[in-house]
């Protein structure tokens, strides 16, 4: 277990580190949801591509052409494809915020992660050990 006893953190600093960590963790969860979105869009576009071919084979050339010319080549947001959104989120936002959190953690806690959880874990172990000692 990583020692956090020698860190001279104020209560506010520990709370800020914890909130930064939770914020970044939630951003990563959002990134996962964004990846799910990207994959769902890709599967949907694959089905639309298949529908284009089926429509064309069934003699519905103009509808197949609509899919080919107006739906399939367009992006999901202002002509941006879902993979571009995923890449942009990761490079321009997630990495920046993660780097900020890392820099604050390096400065305040010697880079140690999960300070609050480690201290909570240690407290619970100490409480359990004390109870076991009392029972002897």
C-alpha atoms as a PDB file:
ATOM      1  CA  UNK A   1       0.000   0.000   0.000  1.00  0.00           C
ATOM      2  CA  UNK A   2       1.322   3.435  -0.909  1.00  0.00           C
ATOM      3  CA  UNK A   3       2.092   5.583   2.114  1.00  0.00           C
ATOM      4  CA  UNK A   4       0.133   8.816   2.259  1.00  0.00           C
ATOM      5  CA  UNK A   5       0.914   9.670   5.893  1.00  0.00           C
ATOM      6  CA  UNK A   6       3.915  11.840   5.047  1.00  0.00           C
ATOM      7  CA  UNK A   7       1.904  14.093   2.753  1.00  0.00           C
ATOM      8  CA  UNK A   8       1.208  17.456   4.317  1.00  0.00           C
ATOM      9  CA  UNK A   9      -2.118  18.113   2.656  1.00  0.00           C
ATOM     10  CA  UNK A  10      -4.727  20.407   4.051  1.00  0.00           C
ATOM     11  CA  UNK A  11      -8.281  19.127   4.117  1.00  0.00           C
ATOM     12  CA  UNK A  12      -9.089  21.472   1.215  1.00  0.00           C
ATOM     13  CA  UNK A  13      -6.141  20.204  -0.845  1.00  0.00           C
ATOM     14  CA  UNK A  14      -7.139  16.590  -0.270  1.00  0.00           C
ATOM     15  CA  UNK A  15     -10.732  17.414  -1.212  1.00  0.00           C
ATOM     16  CA  UNK A  16      -9.601  19.252  -4.347  1.00  0.00           C
ATOM     17  CA  UNK A  17      -7.423  16.302  -5.413  1.00  0.00           C
ATOM     18  CA  UNK A  18     -10.337  13.959  -4.854  1.00  0.00           C
ATOM     19  CA  UNK A  19     -12.722  16.121  -6.898  1.00  0.00           C
ATOM     20  CA  UNK A  20     -10.159  16.450  -9.714  1.00  0.00           C
ATOM     21  CA  UNK A  21      -9.707  12.684  -9.736  1.00  0.00           C
ATOM     22  CA  UNK A  22     -13.465  12.058  -9.798  1.00  0.00           C
ATOM     23  CA  UNK A  23     -13.869  14.642 -12.540  1.00  0.00           C
ATOM     24  CA  UNK A  24     -11.245  12.966 -14.739  1.00  0.00           C
ATOM     25  CA  UNK A  25     -12.677   9.507 -14.022  1.00  0.00           C
ATOM     26  CA  UNK A  26     -16.112  10.705 -15.115  1.00  0.00           C
ATOM     27  CA  UNK A  27     -14.639  12.266 -18.257  1.00  0.00           C
ATOM     28  CA  UNK A  28     -13.136   8.879 -19.079  1.00  0.00           C
ATOM     29  CA  UNK A  29     -16.553   7.303 -18.584  1.00  0.00           C
ATOM     30  CA  UNK A  30     -17.952   9.908 -20.976  1.00  0.00           C
ATOM     31  CA  UNK A  31     -15.171   9.045 -23.414  1.00  0.00           C
ATOM     32  CA  UNK A  32     -16.280   5.407 -23.211  1.00  0.00           C
ATOM     33  CA  UNK A  33     -19.825   6.475 -23.995  1.00  0.00           C
ATOM     34  CA  UNK A  34     -18.501   8.519 -26.888  1.00  0.00           C
ATOM     35  CA  UNK A  35     -16.720   5.414 -28.203  1.00  0.00           C
ATOM     36  CA  UNK A  36     -19.991   3.478 -27.871  1.00  0.00           C
ATOM     37  CA  UNK A  37     -21.696   6.268 -29.845  1.00  0.00           C
ATOM     38  CA  UNK A  38     -18.991   6.102 -32.532  1.00  0.00           C
ATOM     39  CA  UNK A  39     -19.324   2.329 -32.872  1.00  0.00           C
ATOM     40  CA  UNK A  40     -23.132   2.489 -32.985  1.00  0.00           C
ATOM     41  CA  UNK A  41     -22.977   5.164 -35.692  1.00  0.00           C
ATOM     42  CA  UNK A  42     -20.537   3.017 -37.666  1.00  0.00           C
ATOM     43  CA  UNK A  43     -22.803  -0.022 -37.445  1.00  0.00           C
ATOM     44  CA  UNK A  44     -25.764   2.124 -38.470  1.00  0.00           C
ATOM     45  CA  UNK A  45     -23.878   3.487 -41.461  1.00  0.00           C
ATOM     46  CA  UNK A  46     -22.913  -0.064 -42.479  1.00  0.00           C
ATOM     47  CA  UNK A  47     -26.613  -1.011 -42.467  1.00  0.00           C
ATOM     48  CA  UNK A  48     -27.471   2.059 -44.540  1.00  0.00           C
ATOM     49  CA  UNK A  49     -24.766   1.084 -47.014  1.00  0.00           C
ATOM     50  CA  UNK A  50     -26.270  -2.412 -47.228  1.00  0.00           C
ATOM     51  CA  UNK A  51     -29.719  -0.862 -47.713  1.00  0.00           C
ATOM     52  CA  UNK A  52     -28.346   1.194 -50.615  1.00  0.00           C
ATOM     53  CA  UNK A  53     -27.262  -1.939 -52.430  1.00  0.00           C
ATOM     54  CA  UNK A  54     -30.530  -3.739 -51.696  1.00  0.00           C
ATOM     55  CA  UNK A  55     -32.601  -0.782 -52.900  1.00  0.00           C
ATOM     56  CA  UNK A  56     -30.529  -0.592 -56.077  1.00  0.00           C
ATOM     57  CA  UNK A  57     -30.957  -4.339 -56.698  1.00  0.00           C
ATOM     58  CA  UNK A  58     -34.710  -4.014 -56.059  1.00  0.00           C
ATOM     59  CA  UNK A  59     -34.981  -1.368 -58.780  1.00  0.00           C
ATOM     60  CA  UNK A  60     -35.147   1.731 -56.530  1.00  0.00           C
ATOM     61  CA  UNK A  61     -32.213   3.531 -58.106  1.00  0.00           C
ATOM     62  CA  UNK A  62     -33.202   7.058 -57.007  1.00  0.00           C
ATOM     63  CA  UNK A  63     -33.590   6.045 -53.345  1.00  0.00           C
ATOM     64  CA  UNK A  64     -30.289   4.160 -53.454  1.00  0.00           C
ATOM     65  CA  UNK A  65     -28.667   7.252 -54.949  1.00  0.00           C
ATOM     66  CA  UNK A  66     -30.121   9.379 -52.106  1.00  0.00           C
ATOM     67  CA  UNK A  67     -28.370   7.161 -49.580  1.00  0.00           C
ATOM     68  CA  UNK A  68     -25.138   7.153 -51.602  1.00  0.00           C
ATOM     69  CA  UNK A  69     -25.067  10.893 -52.291  1.00  0.00           C
ATOM     70  CA  UNK A  70     -26.849  12.543 -49.356  1.00  0.00           C
ATOM     71  CA  UNK A  71     -26.664  10.281 -46.317  1.00  0.00           C
ATOM     72  CA  UNK A  72     -23.547   8.121 -46.373  1.00  0.00           C
ATOM     73  CA  UNK A  73     -20.963  10.812 -47.147  1.00  0.00           C
ATOM     74  CA  UNK A  74     -22.208  13.282 -44.525  1.00  0.00           C
ATOM     75  CA  UNK A  75     -20.940  13.553 -40.980  1.00  0.00           C
ATOM     76  CA  UNK A  76     -22.970  13.364 -37.811  1.00  0.00           C
ATOM     77  CA  UNK A  77     -22.247  16.945 -36.656  1.00  0.00           C
ATOM     78  CA  UNK A  78     -21.610  19.742 -39.133  1.00  0.00           C
ATOM     79  CA  UNK A  79     -19.903  17.394 -41.570  1.00  0.00           C
ATOM     80  CA  UNK A  80     -17.699  15.873 -38.840  1.00  0.00           C
ATOM     81  CA  UNK A  81     -17.612  12.106 -38.629  1.00  0.00           C
ATOM     82  CA  UNK A  82     -17.967  10.373 -35.285  1.00  0.00           C
ATOM     83  CA  UNK A  83     -14.324   9.240 -35.272  1.00  0.00           C
ATOM     84  CA  UNK A  84     -13.245  12.883 -35.660  1.00  0.00           C
ATOM     85  CA  UNK A  85     -15.334  13.826 -32.638  1.00  0.00           C
ATOM     86  CA  UNK A  86     -13.813  10.979 -30.601  1.00  0.00           C
ATOM     87  CA  UNK A  87     -10.284  11.988 -31.620  1.00  0.00           C
ATOM     88  CA  UNK A  88     -10.927  15.653 -30.942  1.00  0.00           C
ATOM     89  CA  UNK A  89     -12.427  14.955 -27.508  1.00  0.00           C
ATOM     90  CA  UNK A  90      -9.484  12.776 -26.542  1.00  0.00           C
ATOM     91  CA  UNK A  91      -6.713  15.024 -27.891  1.00  0.00           C
ATOM     92  CA  UNK A  92      -8.114  18.471 -27.217  1.00  0.00           C
ATOM     93  CA  UNK A  93     -10.061  17.996 -23.999  1.00  0.00           C
ATOM     94  CA  UNK A  94      -9.487  14.720 -22.182  1.00  0.00           C
ATOM     95  CA  UNK A  95      -5.699  14.800 -22.462  1.00  0.00           C
ATOM     96  CA  UNK A  96      -5.602  18.456 -21.413  1.00  0.00           C
ATOM     97  CA  UNK A  97      -7.766  17.931 -18.331  1.00  0.00           C
ATOM     98  CA  UNK A  98      -5.933  14.703 -17.431  1.00  0.00           C
ATOM     99  CA  UNK A  99      -2.623  16.516 -17.730  1.00  0.00           C
ATOM    100  CA  UNK A 100      -3.879  19.320 -15.493  1.00  0.00           C
ATOM    101  CA  UNK A 101      -5.024  16.816 -12.852  1.00  0.00           C
ATOM    102  CA  UNK A 102      -1.654  15.029 -13.056  1.00  0.00           C
ATOM    103  CA  UNK A 103       0.251  18.308 -12.637  1.00  0.00           C
ATOM    104  CA  UNK A 104      -1.777  19.282  -9.563  1.00  0.00           C
ATOM    105  CA  UNK A 105      -1.351  15.782  -8.096  1.00  0.00           C
ATOM    106  CA  UNK A 106       2.413  15.888  -8.791  1.00  0.00           C
ATOM    107  CA  UNK A 107       2.659  19.276  -7.077  1.00  0.00           C
ATOM    108  CA  UNK A 108       0.494  18.559  -4.044  1.00  0.00           C
ATOM    109  CA  UNK A 109       0.804  14.807  -3.476  1.00  0.00           C
ATOM    110  CA  UNK A 110       4.088  13.723  -5.069  1.00  0.00           C
ATOM    111  CA  UNK A 111       2.055  12.174  -7.881  1.00  0.00           C
ATOM    112  CA  UNK A 112       0.201   9.789  -5.580  1.00  0.00           C
ATOM    113  CA  UNK A 113      -3.283   8.806  -6.670  1.00  0.00           C
ATOM    114  CA  UNK A 114      -6.415   8.009  -4.673  1.00  0.00           C
ATOM    115  CA  UNK A 115      -5.281   9.785  -1.503  1.00  0.00           C
ATOM    116  CA  UNK A 116      -8.776   9.932  -0.022  1.00  0.00           C
ATOM    117  CA  UNK A 117      -9.472   6.268  -0.753  1.00  0.00           C
ATOM    118  CA  UNK A 118      -6.103   5.152   0.630  1.00  0.00           C
ATOM    119  CA  UNK A 119      -6.702   7.046   3.866  1.00  0.00           C
ATOM    120  CA  UNK A 120     -10.236   5.686   4.106  1.00  0.00           C
ATOM    121  CA  UNK A 121      -8.975   2.158   3.475  1.00  0.00           C
ATOM    122  CA  UNK A 122      -6.269   2.548   6.124  1.00  0.00           C
ATOM    123  CA  UNK A 123      -8.838   3.868   8.618  1.00  0.00           C
ATOM    124  CA  UNK A 124     -11.152   0.926   8.032  1.00  0.00           C
ATOM    125  CA  UNK A 125      -8.290  -1.533   8.484  1.00  0.00           C
ATOM    126  CA  UNK A 126      -7.201   0.181  11.680  1.00  0.00           C
ATOM    127  CA  UNK A 127     -10.766   0.089  12.984  1.00  0.00           C
ATOM    128  CA  UNK A 128     -11.069  -3.621  12.185  1.00  0.00           C
ATOM    129  CA  UNK A 129      -7.704  -4.373  13.782  1.00  0.00           C
ATOM    130  CA  UNK A 130      -8.640  -2.430  16.919  1.00  0.00           C
ATOM    131  CA  UNK A 131     -11.900  -4.387  17.195  1.00  0.00           C
ATOM    132  CA  UNK A 132     -10.061  -7.681  16.834  1.00  0.00           C
ATOM    133  CA  UNK A 133      -7.623  -6.579  19.559  1.00  0.00           C
ATOM    134  CA  UNK A 134     -10.551  -5.675  21.831  1.00  0.00           C
ATOM    135  CA  UNK A 135     -12.079  -9.112  21.323  1.00  0.00           C
ATOM    136  CA  UNK A 136      -8.924 -10.875  22.537  1.00  0.00           C
END
